[in-house]
Amino acid sequence: MAEKKLKLYGTNWCPKSANLRNYLQSEWIEFEDYNVETQPEADKEVRALYDGQLKFPTVTYGKDFLKNPSIKEIDAFLDQHDLKE
C-alpha cells in the first residue's frame, strides 16, 4: 500500500495558500507542497476532486481532502489523521 502523505495544493500568489503553508511549517507538520499553476499534474489532481474545477488551496491526505480550510478545520483534519503531536 502506498504511503499516505499530507499534500497542499495552492499557488505562490494566493494569501490563503501561504497562510496554510506557514501554519503547517510553524507546527512542524511534514507535507508536500504543490503549485497548481506551474505543475500540470497537481492541477489535474485537484480538478479530479472537484468535477474539473480548479479550487485551492486544497489539502489532501489519502482520499480525504479539504477546500480552503480554516486553521480550526485544518487542526481537526490533522487530528483526525493523527498527524499533529
N, C-alpha and C. Protein backbone atom coordinates (compact mmCIF):
# COMPACT_ATOMS: atom_id res chain seq x y z
N MET A 1 0.84 -1.18 0.00
CA MET A 1 0.00 0.00 0.00
C MET A 1 0.89 1.25 0.00
N ALA A 2 0.54 2.22 -0.82
CA ALA A 2 1.32 3.44 -0.90
C ALA A 2 1.21 4.23 0.40
N GLU A 3 2.31 4.87 0.76
CA GLU A 3 2.33 5.68 1.97
C GLU A 3 1.47 6.93 1.77
N LYS A 4 0.62 7.21 2.75
CA LYS A 4 -0.19 8.42 2.70
C LYS A 4 0.68 9.60 3.09
N LYS A 5 0.49 10.71 2.38
CA LYS A 5 1.23 11.92 2.69
C LYS A 5 0.27 13.10 2.66
N LEU A 6 0.50 14.04 3.56
CA LEU A 6 -0.27 15.28 3.56
C LEU A 6 0.22 16.12 2.39
N LYS A 7 -0.72 16.64 1.62
CA LYS A 7 -0.37 17.44 0.44
C LYS A 7 -1.14 18.75 0.47
N LEU A 8 -0.46 19.82 0.10
CA LEU A 8 -1.07 21.13 -0.03
C LEU A 8 -0.98 21.56 -1.48
N TYR A 9 -2.13 21.85 -2.08
CA TYR A 9 -2.19 22.33 -3.45
C TYR A 9 -2.61 23.80 -3.41
N GLY A 10 -1.79 24.66 -3.97
CA GLY A 10 -2.09 26.09 -3.97
C GLY A 10 -1.27 26.80 -5.03
N THR A 11 -1.03 28.09 -4.80
CA THR A 11 -0.20 28.90 -5.69
C THR A 11 0.73 29.75 -4.84
N ASN A 12 1.70 30.37 -5.48
CA ASN A 12 2.62 31.24 -4.76
C ASN A 12 1.98 32.58 -4.42
N TRP A 13 1.03 33.04 -5.22
CA TRP A 13 0.45 34.37 -5.03
C TRP A 13 -0.78 34.38 -4.12
N CYS A 14 -1.34 33.22 -3.80
CA CYS A 14 -2.58 33.13 -3.03
C CYS A 14 -2.29 33.27 -1.53
N PRO A 15 -2.84 34.32 -0.88
CA PRO A 15 -2.59 34.51 0.55
C PRO A 15 -3.08 33.34 1.41
N LYS A 16 -4.19 32.72 1.03
CA LYS A 16 -4.70 31.59 1.81
C LYS A 16 -3.76 30.38 1.71
N SER A 17 -3.21 30.16 0.52
CA SER A 17 -2.22 29.09 0.36
C SER A 17 -1.00 29.37 1.23
N ALA A 18 -0.53 30.61 1.20
CA ALA A 18 0.64 30.99 2.00
C ALA A 18 0.37 30.84 3.50
N ASN A 19 -0.83 31.22 3.94
CA ASN A 19 -1.17 31.09 5.36
C ASN A 19 -1.16 29.63 5.80
N LEU A 20 -1.74 28.76 4.98
CA LEU A 20 -1.73 27.32 5.32
C LEU A 20 -0.32 26.77 5.32
N ARG A 21 0.46 27.13 4.31
CA ARG A 21 1.85 26.68 4.22
C ARG A 21 2.62 27.12 5.48
N ASN A 22 2.48 28.38 5.84
CA ASN A 22 3.19 28.91 7.01
C ASN A 22 2.72 28.23 8.29
N TYR A 23 1.42 28.00 8.41
CA TYR A 23 0.90 27.35 9.61
C TYR A 23 1.44 25.92 9.75
N LEU A 24 1.39 25.16 8.67
CA LEU A 24 1.89 23.78 8.72
C LEU A 24 3.38 23.76 9.08
N GLN A 25 4.14 24.67 8.50
CA GLN A 25 5.57 24.74 8.81
C GLN A 25 5.79 25.14 10.27
N SER A 26 4.99 26.07 10.78
CA SER A 26 5.16 26.53 12.17
C SER A 26 4.84 25.42 13.17
N GLU A 27 3.99 24.48 12.76
CA GLU A 27 3.61 23.35 13.62
C GLU A 27 4.49 22.12 13.35
N TRP A 28 5.48 22.26 12.49
CA TRP A 28 6.41 21.18 12.15
C TRP A 28 5.69 19.97 11.55
N ILE A 29 4.66 20.24 10.75
CA ILE A 29 3.91 19.19 10.06
C ILE A 29 4.56 18.94 8.71
N GLU A 30 4.93 17.70 8.44
CA GLU A 30 5.51 17.38 7.14
C GLU A 30 4.41 17.33 6.09
N PHE A 31 4.67 17.98 4.95
CA PHE A 31 3.70 17.98 3.86
C PHE A 31 4.42 18.21 2.54
N GLU A 32 3.75 17.80 1.48
CA GLU A 32 4.26 18.06 0.14
C GLU A 32 3.51 19.27 -0.40
N ASP A 33 4.23 20.19 -0.99
CA ASP A 33 3.68 21.46 -1.46
C ASP A 33 3.64 21.48 -2.99
N TYR A 34 2.45 21.66 -3.55
CA TYR A 34 2.29 21.65 -5.00
C TYR A 34 1.70 22.97 -5.47
N ASN A 35 2.22 23.47 -6.59
CA ASN A 35 1.72 24.70 -7.21
C ASN A 35 0.86 24.30 -8.41
N VAL A 36 -0.43 24.60 -8.32
CA VAL A 36 -1.36 24.18 -9.38
C VAL A 36 -1.18 24.97 -10.67
N GLU A 37 -0.46 26.08 -10.62
CA GLU A 37 -0.22 26.86 -11.84
C GLU A 37 1.01 26.41 -12.60
N THR A 38 2.00 25.88 -11.91
CA THR A 38 3.25 25.52 -12.57
C THR A 38 3.47 24.01 -12.68
N GLN A 39 2.62 23.24 -12.01
CA GLN A 39 2.76 21.79 -12.04
C GLN A 39 1.48 21.18 -12.61
N PRO A 40 1.50 20.83 -13.91
CA PRO A 40 0.28 20.31 -14.56
C PRO A 40 -0.33 19.10 -13.86
N GLU A 41 0.48 18.23 -13.29
CA GLU A 41 -0.06 17.05 -12.61
C GLU A 41 -0.84 17.47 -11.36
N ALA A 42 -0.35 18.49 -10.65
CA ALA A 42 -1.06 19.00 -9.47
C ALA A 42 -2.41 19.59 -9.88
N ASP A 43 -2.41 20.35 -10.95
CA ASP A 43 -3.65 20.93 -11.49
C ASP A 43 -4.65 19.80 -11.78
N LYS A 44 -4.17 18.77 -12.44
CA LYS A 44 -5.02 17.63 -12.81
C LYS A 44 -5.59 16.92 -11.57
N GLU A 45 -4.75 16.73 -10.55
CA GLU A 45 -5.18 16.03 -9.33
C GLU A 45 -6.28 16.82 -8.60
N VAL A 46 -6.12 18.14 -8.53
CA VAL A 46 -7.13 18.96 -7.86
C VAL A 46 -8.43 18.98 -8.66
N ARG A 47 -8.34 19.14 -9.96
CA ARG A 47 -9.55 19.16 -10.80
C ARG A 47 -10.32 17.84 -10.70
N ALA A 48 -9.60 16.74 -10.49
CA ALA A 48 -10.27 15.43 -10.34
C ALA A 48 -11.13 15.38 -9.08
N LEU A 49 -10.79 16.17 -8.08
CA LEU A 49 -11.57 16.21 -6.84
C LEU A 49 -12.86 17.02 -6.97
N TYR A 50 -12.86 17.98 -7.89
CA TYR A 50 -13.96 18.96 -7.98
C TYR A 50 -14.62 18.99 -9.36
N ASP A 51 -14.82 17.83 -9.95
CA ASP A 51 -15.52 17.73 -11.23
C ASP A 51 -14.97 18.70 -12.29
N GLY A 52 -13.64 18.77 -12.38
CA GLY A 52 -13.00 19.57 -13.41
C GLY A 52 -12.71 21.01 -13.01
N GLN A 53 -13.15 21.44 -11.85
CA GLN A 53 -12.90 22.82 -11.42
C GLN A 53 -11.60 22.89 -10.61
N LEU A 54 -10.90 23.99 -10.76
CA LEU A 54 -9.67 24.21 -10.01
C LEU A 54 -9.99 25.01 -8.77
N LYS A 55 -9.83 24.38 -7.61
CA LYS A 55 -10.14 25.04 -6.33
C LYS A 55 -8.93 24.89 -5.42
N PHE A 56 -8.49 26.00 -4.88
CA PHE A 56 -7.33 25.98 -4.00
C PHE A 56 -7.44 27.11 -2.99
N PRO A 57 -6.76 26.97 -1.86
CA PRO A 57 -5.92 25.84 -1.51
C PRO A 57 -6.75 24.60 -1.17
N THR A 58 -6.20 23.47 -1.50
CA THR A 58 -6.78 22.18 -1.15
C THR A 58 -5.72 21.38 -0.41
N VAL A 59 -6.13 20.74 0.68
CA VAL A 59 -5.25 19.89 1.46
C VAL A 59 -5.80 18.47 1.34
N THR A 60 -4.91 17.51 1.05
CA THR A 60 -5.34 16.12 0.94
C THR A 60 -4.48 15.24 1.84
N TYR A 61 -5.10 14.13 2.25
CA TYR A 61 -4.39 13.06 2.94
C TYR A 61 -5.10 11.78 2.55
N GLY A 62 -4.42 10.95 1.77
CA GLY A 62 -5.10 9.78 1.23
C GLY A 62 -6.24 10.22 0.33
N LYS A 63 -7.42 9.70 0.59
CA LYS A 63 -8.60 10.06 -0.21
C LYS A 63 -9.40 11.21 0.41
N ASP A 64 -9.01 11.66 1.59
CA ASP A 64 -9.70 12.76 2.26
C ASP A 64 -9.12 14.10 1.81
N PHE A 65 -9.98 15.11 1.70
CA PHE A 65 -9.49 16.42 1.28
C PHE A 65 -10.36 17.54 1.85
N LEU A 66 -9.75 18.71 1.94
CA LEU A 66 -10.43 19.92 2.40
C LEU A 66 -10.15 21.05 1.41
N LYS A 67 -11.17 21.84 1.13
CA LYS A 67 -11.01 23.02 0.28
C LYS A 67 -10.97 24.25 1.17
N ASN A 68 -9.92 25.03 1.01
CA ASN A 68 -9.79 26.32 1.69
C ASN A 68 -10.10 26.22 3.19
N PRO A 69 -9.41 25.32 3.90
CA PRO A 69 -9.74 25.13 5.31
C PRO A 69 -9.26 26.29 6.19
N SER A 70 -10.02 26.54 7.25
CA SER A 70 -9.59 27.47 8.29
C SER A 70 -8.55 26.75 9.14
N ILE A 71 -7.89 27.48 10.03
CA ILE A 71 -6.93 26.85 10.93
C ILE A 71 -7.63 25.82 11.81
N LYS A 72 -8.82 26.15 12.29
CA LYS A 72 -9.59 25.20 13.11
C LYS A 72 -9.90 23.93 12.32
N GLU A 73 -10.29 24.08 11.06
CA GLU A 73 -10.60 22.92 10.21
C GLU A 73 -9.35 22.10 9.91
N ILE A 74 -8.23 22.77 9.63
CA ILE A 74 -7.01 22.01 9.34
C ILE A 74 -6.52 21.29 10.59
N ASP A 75 -6.66 21.91 11.76
CA ASP A 75 -6.30 21.24 13.01
C ASP A 75 -7.13 19.98 13.22
N ALA A 76 -8.42 20.06 12.99
CA ALA A 76 -9.29 18.89 13.14
C ALA A 76 -8.90 17.79 12.14
N PHE A 77 -8.58 18.19 10.92
CA PHE A 77 -8.15 17.26 9.88
C PHE A 77 -6.85 16.57 10.29
N LEU A 78 -5.90 17.35 10.80
CA LEU A 78 -4.62 16.79 11.25
C LEU A 78 -4.83 15.82 12.41
N ASP A 79 -5.69 16.22 13.36
CA ASP A 79 -6.01 15.34 14.50
C ASP A 79 -6.69 14.06 14.04
N GLN A 80 -7.63 14.19 13.12
CA GLN A 80 -8.37 13.03 12.60
C GLN A 80 -7.40 11.98 12.03
N HIS A 81 -6.33 12.47 11.40
CA HIS A 81 -5.38 11.56 10.76
C HIS A 81 -4.12 11.35 11.59
N ASP A 82 -4.16 11.80 12.84
CA ASP A 82 -3.05 11.61 13.77
C ASP A 82 -1.73 12.15 13.20
N LEU A 83 -1.80 13.37 12.64
CA LEU A 83 -0.63 13.99 12.03
C LEU A 83 -0.03 15.11 12.87
N LYS A 84 -0.67 15.41 13.98
CA LYS A 84 -0.21 16.52 14.81
C LYS A 84 0.13 15.98 16.20
N GLU A 85 1.29 16.37 16.68
CA GLU A 85 1.72 15.90 18.01
C GLU A 85 1.09 16.71 19.11
